[in-house]
């Protein structure tokens, strides 16, 4: 008779190992729940910290019941507990979950420290809050972009005046803004759903608002529903609706939150994704993917064609000179990196508010009104400015490194990025 005890021993060891992994993962679930409650408490100290929450209503504190010092101690406790849990034997998505939780906790602690009045350099804030740092860009690179603009913009003299004069030819009449955005949202939604399956009940409502520091905002409410607000303080050029609709809606913030809710909260029960702290590595992925999504849906030529054939007739605008304007606007997009330098210098006290405004006007060719709105954003959100341009760069490099020139493959990589635990270091 053969001795079967060695096989029985192996089975018992395997069962013990599985049980051990389950126990450690159960501990992580507890930490995740405590993290959500902690983030909600931080939100009582700052109305802009919690961007979205759709977990149990009873977890939301009614008042500022826990002081910042205690919250920092609570975060440290969770970070220690998480670091003491062995991840041996975990599959990749669990490893990413632990990494994500650790970085979100670090960001939460950092935000509490900043709210308490602690001083940090711009780069330190970027790294601890968003898991990334913006390089310092040389002014000469912006000067060379200005030289390119000088060659293509009609007329002579001041670049800002020439650019804004051209741009003003393509401003949407106020009474056409809503109808234009309705068409734009429908188009990006249709194109996104060709590549990403979304829940049948996903939906949104659009509102038009004023007196905000941002151009548009997605407020995710849970159960696959968003409120998208569009700020109409400033006139909207005809090339704005597709970009904003993609960024806030499809395949941007709305789709990102829908996938996180369905894939991670719904299917896996990972409650940490029921709360979205704005000042966290999650925002770096959110803004980077939202900006890059436009490139997935349209080539530059396709976008111009759609605008000229569909949006221009609705707006009642003439298309003469539009290609020149779009070339200039493309260059201006690169000049947006100057805002990172300006934010760094301003927030670290190296330049005054007036000097910051003048630099925004100089490098971005902004009107005074737009520069003031941009500065208002920096005053409100600080180092968050890097999540848009550096986030887009890193997402683009990541997706195209894995997918090459295959557009269907790019969508596949993009969708996976939207629906799994990720931070900036995962993109490297």
Protein backbone atom coordinates (compact mmCIF):
# COMPACT_ATOMS: atom_id res chain seq x y z
CA UNK A 1 0.00 0.00 0.00
CA UNK A 2 1.34 3.46 -0.93
CA UNK A 3 1.88 6.05 1.79
CA UNK A 4 -0.57 8.93 1.07
CA UNK A 5 0.38 11.00 4.11
CA UNK A 6 2.95 13.18 2.25
CA UNK A 7 0.21 14.21 -0.20
CA UNK A 8 -2.16 14.91 2.68
CA UNK A 9 0.53 17.07 4.28
CA UNK A 10 0.94 19.06 1.06
CA UNK A 11 -2.82 19.60 0.83
CA UNK A 12 -2.95 20.78 4.45
CA UNK A 13 -0.05 23.19 3.84
CA UNK A 14 -1.77 24.60 0.76
CA UNK A 15 -5.05 25.01 2.65
CA UNK A 16 -3.20 26.70 5.50
CA UNK A 17 -1.48 29.04 3.04
CA UNK A 18 -4.79 29.99 1.40
CA UNK A 19 -6.36 30.57 4.80
CA UNK A 20 -3.39 32.73 5.77
CA UNK A 21 -3.74 34.83 2.61
CA UNK A 22 -7.47 35.22 3.26
CA UNK A 23 -6.78 36.36 6.81
CA UNK A 24 -4.26 38.96 5.64
CA UNK A 25 -6.60 40.20 2.94
CA UNK A 26 -9.38 40.47 5.54
CA UNK A 27 -7.07 42.72 7.57
CA UNK A 28 -6.57 44.91 4.52
CA UNK A 29 -10.35 45.16 4.10
CA UNK A 30 -10.60 46.50 7.65
CA UNK A 31 -7.86 49.07 7.00
CA UNK A 32 -9.62 50.11 3.79
CA UNK A 33 -12.84 50.76 5.71
CA UNK A 34 -10.97 52.82 8.32
CA UNK A 35 -9.30 54.80 5.53
CA UNK A 36 -12.70 55.73 4.06
CA UNK A 37 -14.01 56.92 7.43
CA UNK A 38 -10.81 58.84 8.04
CA UNK A 39 -10.98 60.57 4.63
CA UNK A 40 -14.55 61.62 5.39
CA UNK A 41 -13.40 63.16 8.68
CA UNK A 42 -10.69 65.09 6.82
CA UNK A 43 -13.46 66.33 4.55
CA UNK A 44 -15.07 68.09 7.53
CA UNK A 45 -11.96 70.30 7.72
CA UNK A 46 -11.92 71.14 4.00
CA UNK A 47 -14.98 71.25 1.72
CA UNK A 48 -12.91 70.44 -1.39
CA UNK A 49 -11.07 67.37 -0.05
CA UNK A 50 -13.75 64.73 -0.68
CA UNK A 51 -14.62 64.92 -4.37
CA UNK A 52 -17.05 61.99 -4.33
CA UNK A 53 -18.50 59.55 -1.83
CA UNK A 54 -21.14 56.85 -2.37
CA UNK A 55 -20.53 54.49 0.53
CA UNK A 56 -22.72 53.92 3.61
CA UNK A 57 -24.39 57.15 4.72
CA UNK A 58 -23.81 56.33 8.38
CA UNK A 59 -20.03 56.57 7.86
CA UNK A 60 -20.25 60.29 7.13
CA UNK A 61 -19.51 62.43 10.19
CA UNK A 62 -22.00 65.21 10.85
CA UNK A 63 -19.47 67.69 12.17
CA UNK A 64 -15.76 68.43 12.62
CA UNK A 65 -15.56 65.96 15.51
CA UNK A 66 -11.91 64.83 15.09
CA UNK A 67 -9.06 67.35 15.14
CA UNK A 68 -6.25 67.33 12.59
CA UNK A 69 -3.61 66.18 15.10
CA UNK A 70 -5.70 63.12 15.93
CA UNK A 71 -6.39 62.42 12.26
CA UNK A 72 -2.66 62.45 11.50
CA UNK A 73 -2.09 59.97 14.33
CA UNK A 74 -4.89 57.79 12.96
CA UNK A 75 -3.34 57.81 9.47
CA UNK A 76 0.06 56.87 10.87
CA UNK A 77 -1.55 53.95 12.70
CA UNK A 78 -3.17 52.67 9.49
CA UNK A 79 0.07 53.08 7.51
CA UNK A 80 1.94 51.04 10.14
CA UNK A 81 -0.72 48.34 10.22
CA UNK A 82 -0.70 48.09 6.44
CA UNK A 83 3.11 47.88 6.27
CA UNK A 84 3.07 45.03 8.82
CA UNK A 85 0.89 42.83 6.60
CA UNK A 86 2.90 40.45 4.45
CA UNK A 87 1.87 40.45 0.79
CA UNK A 88 3.61 37.15 0.04
CA UNK A 89 1.46 35.06 -2.29
CA UNK A 90 -0.77 37.95 -3.35
CA UNK A 91 -1.81 38.24 -6.98
CA UNK A 92 -0.83 41.39 -8.87
CA UNK A 93 -4.09 43.27 -8.41
CA UNK A 94 -3.86 42.81 -4.64
CA UNK A 95 -0.28 44.07 -4.65
CA UNK A 96 -1.49 47.12 -6.55
CA UNK A 97 -4.31 47.56 -4.06
CA UNK A 98 -1.89 47.62 -1.12
CA UNK A 99 0.39 50.05 -2.94
CA UNK A 100 -2.58 52.28 -3.78
CA UNK A 101 -3.88 52.27 -0.20
CA UNK A 102 -0.47 53.17 1.16
CA UNK A 103 -0.08 56.12 -1.21
CA UNK A 104 -3.65 57.34 -0.58
CA UNK A 105 -3.00 57.23 3.17
CA UNK A 106 0.26 59.16 2.72
CA UNK A 107 -1.58 61.79 0.69
CA UNK A 108 -4.30 62.06 3.33
CA UNK A 109 -1.71 62.62 6.04
CA UNK A 110 0.07 65.21 3.89
CA UNK A 111 -3.14 67.12 3.28
CA UNK A 112 -3.85 67.16 7.03
CA UNK A 113 -0.36 68.51 7.64
CA UNK A 114 -0.88 71.28 5.08
CA UNK A 115 -4.26 72.13 6.60
CA UNK A 116 -2.53 72.36 9.98
CA UNK A 117 -0.22 74.99 8.51
CA UNK A 118 2.94 72.96 7.93
CA UNK A 119 5.24 74.23 5.17
CA UNK A 120 6.34 71.98 2.32
CA UNK A 121 8.10 72.68 -0.94
CA UNK A 122 6.08 72.46 -4.13
CA UNK A 123 7.88 69.28 -5.18
CA UNK A 124 7.35 67.67 -1.78
CA UNK A 125 3.64 68.40 -2.01
CA UNK A 126 3.51 66.96 -5.53
CA UNK A 127 5.25 63.75 -4.53
CA UNK A 128 3.32 63.11 -1.34
CA UNK A 129 -0.07 64.16 -2.64
CA UNK A 130 0.09 62.93 -6.24
CA UNK A 131 3.00 60.46 -6.39
CA UNK A 132 4.75 62.53 -9.11
CA UNK A 133 6.94 65.59 -9.56
CA UNK A 134 6.88 68.13 -12.36
CA UNK A 135 10.29 68.98 -13.85
CA UNK A 136 11.40 72.61 -13.92
CA UNK A 137 11.02 73.82 -17.49
CA UNK A 138 13.48 76.25 -19.04
CA UNK A 139 12.05 79.58 -20.15
CA UNK A 140 13.94 79.21 -23.42
CA UNK A 141 11.66 76.31 -24.39
CA UNK A 142 8.64 78.59 -24.03
CA UNK A 143 10.40 81.33 -25.99
CA UNK A 144 10.90 78.92 -28.88
CA UNK A 145 7.18 78.09 -28.83
CA UNK A 146 6.41 81.80 -28.94
CA UNK A 147 8.66 82.02 -31.99
CA UNK A 148 6.59 79.29 -33.67
CA UNK A 149 3.40 81.19 -32.89
CA UNK A 150 4.89 84.37 -34.31
CA UNK A 151 5.32 82.62 -37.66
CA UNK A 152 1.76 81.34 -37.99
CA UNK A 153 -0.44 83.98 -36.31
CA UNK A 154 -1.88 86.62 -38.68
CA UNK A 155 -0.69 90.19 -38.27
CA UNK A 156 2.27 91.68 -36.44
CA UNK A 157 3.15 92.79 -32.93
CA UNK A 158 1.90 91.48 -29.59
CA UNK A 159 1.37 87.68 -29.69
CA UNK A 160 -1.44 87.70 -27.15
CA UNK A 161 -3.45 90.29 -29.07
CA UNK A 162 -2.94 88.42 -32.35
CA UNK A 163 -3.89 85.06 -30.85
CA UNK A 164 -6.99 86.31 -29.04
CA UNK A 165 -8.13 88.27 -32.10
CA UNK A 166 -8.00 85.03 -34.11
CA UNK A 167 -9.64 83.03 -31.29
CA UNK A 168 -12.52 85.52 -31.03
CA UNK A 169 -13.59 84.57 -34.55
CA UNK A 170 -14.52 81.12 -33.26
CA UNK A 171 -16.43 81.93 -30.06
CA UNK A 172 -19.76 80.12 -29.70
CA UNK A 173 -22.74 82.50 -29.40
CA UNK A 174 -24.18 82.31 -25.87
CA UNK A 175 -27.56 81.04 -27.07
CA UNK A 176 -25.88 78.13 -28.89
CA UNK A 177 -23.62 76.88 -26.08
CA UNK A 178 -26.01 74.30 -24.61
CA UNK A 179 -27.02 72.79 -27.95
CA UNK A 180 -23.36 72.56 -29.02
CA UNK A 181 -22.42 70.77 -25.79
CA UNK A 182 -25.35 68.37 -26.14
CA UNK A 183 -24.06 67.33 -29.57
CA UNK A 184 -20.45 67.09 -28.37
CA UNK A 185 -21.32 64.93 -25.36
CA UNK A 186 -23.43 62.62 -27.51
CA UNK A 187 -20.53 62.16 -29.94
CA UNK A 188 -17.84 61.35 -27.36
CA UNK A 189 -20.26 59.04 -25.57
CA UNK A 190 -20.96 57.14 -28.79
CA UNK A 191 -17.26 56.81 -29.64
CA UNK A 192 -16.32 55.69 -26.13
CA UNK A 193 -19.01 52.99 -26.03
CA UNK A 194 -17.55 51.46 -29.18
CA UNK A 195 -14.60 50.34 -27.05
CA UNK A 196 -15.77 50.34 -23.42
CA UNK A 197 -18.83 48.47 -22.15
CA UNK A 198 -20.65 50.59 -19.58
CA UNK A 199 -23.56 49.71 -17.26
CA UNK A 200 -26.97 50.24 -18.85
CA UNK A 201 -28.01 52.77 -16.21
CA UNK A 202 -24.94 55.03 -16.55
CA UNK A 203 -26.04 58.61 -17.03
CA UNK A 204 -25.34 62.25 -16.21
CA UNK A 205 -26.96 65.65 -15.90
CA UNK A 206 -25.37 68.82 -17.31
CA UNK A 207 -25.58 72.20 -15.56
CA UNK A 208 -24.22 75.59 -16.61
CA UNK A 209 -22.72 77.63 -13.78
CA UNK A 210 -20.69 80.79 -13.10
CA UNK A 211 -18.18 82.13 -10.58
CA UNK A 212 -16.01 79.01 -10.22
CA UNK A 213 -12.20 78.64 -10.37
CA UNK A 214 -12.45 75.81 -12.92
CA UNK A 215 -13.74 75.53 -16.49
CA UNK A 216 -15.83 72.40 -15.91
CA UNK A 217 -16.30 69.80 -13.18
CA UNK A 218 -17.63 66.26 -12.83
CA UNK A 219 -19.39 65.50 -9.55
CA UNK A 220 -19.79 61.73 -9.36
CA UNK A 221 -22.81 60.73 -7.27
CA UNK A 222 -22.55 56.94 -7.33
CA UNK A 223 -24.79 54.32 -8.95
CA UNK A 224 -23.19 55.21 -12.31
CA UNK A 225 -24.48 58.79 -12.27
CA UNK A 226 -22.63 62.12 -12.61
CA UNK A 227 -23.44 65.80 -12.47
CA UNK A 228 -21.32 67.65 -15.03
CA UNK A 229 -21.06 71.41 -14.48
CA UNK A 230 -19.72 73.75 -17.16
CA UNK A 231 -18.52 77.21 -16.16
CA UNK A 232 -19.75 79.84 -18.63
CA UNK A 233 -17.95 82.81 -17.06
CA UNK A 234 -15.67 82.99 -20.09
CA UNK A 235 -16.69 82.75 -23.77
CA UNK A 236 -16.34 79.23 -25.19
CA UNK A 237 -14.38 78.70 -28.42
CA UNK A 238 -15.75 76.13 -30.84
CA UNK A 239 -12.90 73.68 -30.15
CA UNK A 240 -13.74 73.56 -26.42
CA UNK A 241 -16.92 71.39 -26.28
CA UNK A 242 -15.44 68.11 -27.55
CA UNK A 243 -12.45 68.41 -25.22
CA UNK A 244 -14.47 69.30 -22.14
CA UNK A 245 -17.07 66.63 -22.89
CA UNK A 246 -14.34 64.00 -23.24
CA UNK A 247 -12.53 65.17 -20.10
CA UNK A 248 -15.53 65.39 -17.78
CA UNK A 249 -17.60 62.66 -19.39
CA UNK A 250 -16.46 60.09 -21.97
CA UNK A 251 -13.95 58.50 -21.62
CA UNK A 252 -12.88 60.85 -18.80
CA UNK A 253 -14.05 61.34 -15.23
CA UNK A 254 -17.54 59.91 -15.59
CA UNK A 255 -16.30 56.69 -17.20
CA UNK A 256 -13.38 56.42 -14.74
CA UNK A 257 -15.70 56.61 -11.73
CA UNK A 258 -18.26 54.28 -13.28
CA UNK A 259 -15.61 51.62 -13.90
CA UNK A 260 -14.10 51.98 -10.41
CA UNK A 261 -17.54 51.61 -8.85
CA UNK A 262 -18.57 48.63 -10.97
CA UNK A 263 -15.24 46.77 -11.10
CA UNK A 264 -13.68 47.45 -7.68
CA UNK A 265 -16.50 48.42 -5.32
CA UNK A 266 -19.28 46.34 -6.90
CA UNK A 267 -17.49 43.16 -7.98
CA UNK A 268 -14.67 43.07 -5.43
CA UNK A 269 -16.17 44.94 -2.49
CA UNK A 270 -13.14 47.24 -2.13
CA UNK A 271 -14.73 50.04 -0.15
CA UNK A 272 -11.76 52.42 -0.43
CA UNK A 273 -12.98 53.29 -3.92
CA UNK A 274 -16.30 54.55 -2.58
CA UNK A 275 -14.49 57.73 -1.52
CA UNK A 276 -12.46 59.94 -3.82
CA UNK A 277 -10.11 62.35 -2.01
CA UNK A 278 -9.26 65.06 -4.52
CA UNK A 279 -5.75 65.65 -3.20
CA UNK A 280 -4.42 62.16 -3.79
CA UNK A 281 -2.63 59.96 -6.35
CA UNK A 282 -6.06 58.95 -7.65
CA UNK A 283 -6.44 62.45 -9.11
CA UNK A 284 -3.21 62.12 -11.06
CA UNK A 285 -4.64 59.10 -12.87
CA UNK A 286 -8.08 60.73 -13.18
CA UNK A 287 -6.83 63.95 -14.78
CA UNK A 288 -4.15 62.29 -16.89
CA UNK A 289 -6.56 59.77 -18.40
CA UNK A 290 -9.27 62.40 -18.86
CA UNK A 291 -6.89 64.58 -20.87
CA UNK A 292 -5.50 61.69 -22.93
CA UNK A 293 -8.94 60.27 -23.75
CA UNK A 294 -9.53 62.89 -26.44
CA UNK A 295 -6.52 61.59 -28.38
CA UNK A 296 -7.97 58.07 -28.32
CA UNK A 297 -11.20 59.15 -29.98
CA UNK A 298 -10.04 61.59 -32.65
CA UNK A 299 -6.98 62.28 -34.70
CA UNK A 300 -6.39 66.01 -35.07
CA UNK A 301 -7.78 65.89 -38.60
CA UNK A 302 -10.91 63.98 -37.52
CA UNK A 303 -11.60 66.44 -34.73
CA UNK A 304 -11.30 69.47 -37.03
CA UNK A 305 -13.52 67.76 -39.60
CA UNK A 306 -16.22 67.00 -37.04
CA UNK A 307 -16.14 70.55 -35.69
CA UNK A 308 -16.32 72.12 -39.15
CA UNK A 309 -19.04 69.80 -40.48
CA UNK A 310 -21.20 69.44 -37.35
CA UNK A 311 -20.52 72.13 -34.75
CA UNK A 312 -19.81 75.17 -36.94
CA UNK A 313 -23.22 75.05 -38.69
CA UNK A 314 -25.02 74.87 -35.31
CA UNK A 315 -22.98 77.82 -34.01
CA UNK A 316 -23.46 79.78 -37.23
CA UNK A 317 -19.71 80.47 -37.49
CA UNK A 318 -17.48 80.69 -40.56
CA UNK A 319 -14.56 78.26 -40.83
CA UNK A 320 -12.10 80.63 -42.55
CA UNK A 321 -8.74 80.52 -40.73
CA UNK A 322 -9.77 77.69 -38.41
CA UNK A 323 -6.83 75.44 -39.29
CA UNK A 324 -4.43 78.27 -38.40
CA UNK A 325 -6.20 78.79 -35.09
CA UNK A 326 -6.00 75.08 -34.28
CA UNK A 327 -2.27 75.00 -35.06
CA UNK A 328 -1.77 77.95 -32.73
CA UNK A 329 -3.91 76.32 -30.05
CA UNK A 330 -1.86 73.14 -30.28
CA UNK A 331 1.30 75.11 -29.57
CA UNK A 332 -0.49 76.92 -26.77
CA UNK A 333 -1.22 73.54 -25.19
CA UNK A 334 2.52 72.98 -24.83
CA UNK A 335 2.88 76.42 -23.27
CA UNK A 336 0.52 75.20 -20.54
CA UNK A 337 3.54 73.56 -18.89
CA UNK A 338 4.66 77.06 -17.93
CA UNK A 339 1.88 77.08 -15.34
CA UNK A 340 3.75 74.42 -13.34
CA UNK A 341 6.79 76.72 -13.08
CA UNK A 342 4.61 79.69 -12.19
CA UNK A 343 2.68 77.73 -9.55
CA UNK A 344 5.93 76.51 -8.00
CA UNK A 345 7.44 80.02 -7.80
CA UNK A 346 4.22 81.60 -6.57
CA UNK A 347 3.34 79.00 -3.93
CA UNK A 348 6.90 79.01 -2.59
CA UNK A 349 6.78 82.79 -2.27
CA UNK A 350 9.38 83.58 -4.94
CA UNK A 351 6.98 85.78 -6.95
CA UNK A 352 3.97 87.88 -5.98
CA UNK A 353 0.39 87.27 -7.03
CA UNK A 354 0.60 90.11 -9.53
CA UNK A 355 3.86 88.75 -10.97
CA UNK A 356 2.25 85.31 -11.28
CA UNK A 357 -0.70 86.80 -13.15
CA UNK A 358 1.58 88.70 -15.52
CA UNK A 359 3.60 85.53 -16.22
CA UNK A 360 0.44 83.55 -16.99
CA UNK A 361 -0.62 86.27 -19.41
CA UNK A 362 2.84 86.34 -21.00
CA UNK A 363 3.46 82.63 -21.47
CA UNK A 364 -0.11 81.38 -22.06
CA UNK A 365 -1.21 84.43 -24.08
CA UNK A 366 -4.17 84.69 -21.70
CA UNK A 367 -6.46 87.63 -21.33
CA UNK A 368 -6.39 89.26 -17.91
CA UNK A 369 -9.71 87.62 -17.05
CA UNK A 370 -8.46 84.13 -17.95
CA UNK A 371 -5.18 84.72 -16.09
CA UNK A 372 -7.08 85.75 -12.97
CA UNK A 373 -9.22 82.62 -13.18
CA UNK A 374 -6.08 80.50 -13.62
CA UNK A 375 -4.51 82.13 -10.58
CA UNK A 376 -7.70 81.58 -8.61
CA UNK A 377 -7.38 77.88 -9.44
CA UNK A 378 -3.78 77.82 -8.16
CA UNK A 379 -4.82 79.61 -4.96
CA UNK A 380 -7.57 77.04 -4.42
CA UNK A 381 -5.92 73.79 -5.52
CA UNK A 382 -2.18 74.46 -5.29
CA UNK A 383 0.10 71.76 -6.67
CA UNK A 384 -2.90 70.03 -8.27
CA UNK A 385 -1.97 71.84 -11.50
CA UNK A 386 0.58 69.14 -12.38
CA UNK A 387 -2.05 66.40 -12.59
CA UNK A 388 -3.31 67.71 -15.94
CA UNK A 389 -0.20 68.09 -18.10
CA UNK A 390 2.30 65.77 -16.39
CA UNK A 391 -0.54 63.29 -15.84
CA UNK A 392 -1.45 63.35 -19.52
CA UNK A 393 2.19 62.93 -20.58
CA UNK A 394 2.71 59.90 -18.34
CA UNK A 395 -0.60 58.24 -19.28
CA UNK A 396 0.11 58.76 -23.00
CA UNK A 397 3.62 57.28 -22.70
CA UNK A 398 2.30 54.33 -20.67
CA UNK A 399 -0.55 53.45 -23.02
CA UNK A 400 1.48 53.84 -26.20
CA UNK A 401 4.44 51.94 -24.77
CA UNK A 402 2.19 48.93 -24.14
CA UNK A 403 -0.04 49.23 -27.19
CA UNK A 404 2.08 50.83 -29.91
CA UNK A 405 0.11 52.19 -32.87
CA UNK A 406 -2.80 49.75 -32.52
CA UNK A 407 -5.78 51.95 -31.57
CA UNK A 408 -7.95 49.05 -30.38
CA UNK A 409 -5.09 47.89 -28.16
CA UNK A 410 -4.68 51.42 -26.82
CA UNK A 411 -8.32 51.42 -25.77
CA UNK A 412 -7.80 48.03 -24.10
CA UNK A 413 -4.80 49.28 -22.09
CA UNK A 414 -6.63 52.52 -21.29
CA UNK A 415 -9.71 50.71 -20.01
CA UNK A 416 -7.61 48.44 -17.81
CA UNK A 417 -5.84 51.46 -16.36
CA UNK A 418 -9.20 53.05 -15.53
CA UNK A 419 -10.51 49.99 -13.73
CA UNK A 420 -7.66 48.86 -11.49
CA UNK A 421 -5.65 50.33 -8.57
CA UNK A 422 -3.10 52.71 -10.08
CA UNK A 423 -0.87 55.64 -9.21
CA UNK A 424 1.82 57.53 -11.11
CA UNK A 425 4.59 55.06 -10.23
CA UNK A 426 2.57 52.28 -11.89
CA UNK A 427 2.93 54.17 -15.17
CA UNK A 428 6.73 54.04 -15.18
